[in-house]
């Protein structure tokens, strides 16, 4: 009845969504990406999807427009079985000022349904400018020394997986990995929902 009065429109293309076509009710069949297992693109790095189409739109809306409507859909793209091989799953931490600007921590929101995800083990203690307009060298320079492990004993001898929304140059991942290995992590890998 409500769908008849206020039809749901696809977040990707804007077309009307037929009832029952999408489990999340925000994406039409045409815009729905094929659910797939992570792709390994480096010895310690995996990604789920290309940073384009509906994935790009929903992540951008969550990150910059405070639009949380796409979170259930983004949850549905994450292959939960992949995460069982790790002792600690750490979302890339956001500085408190960035969380205030964005209306929350978008990475933590995307991965909140993953079992064993443990936000708060690492803090971002220094604010950095937004990376999207910066080059590879500048990103690596700015990110140096911004992370601090809260309780190193929880990291020692643990198989750690860092999770993030987008992989671009890898500067954030490499710096966080360095800090975790210095605290005694047995291994550190990364899973990125999308790859630019």
Foldseek 3Di string as FASTA:
>chain_A
DVCVVPFAAALFPRHGADPPQDPLRRHHPVQQDDQDDWDDDDPFETETAACDTPLVSQLCCQQQVVDCSCLVVLLVNDPQVVPPVWQEEEELEDAPVSCVNRVHDSSCSNCVPRPRYDYPQKYQQDDDDDPPPDDLVVLLVRLAPRMDGPDLVSLAQTEYEYEYAEDENCSSVVRVQVNSVVSHHPYYHYYYHHYD
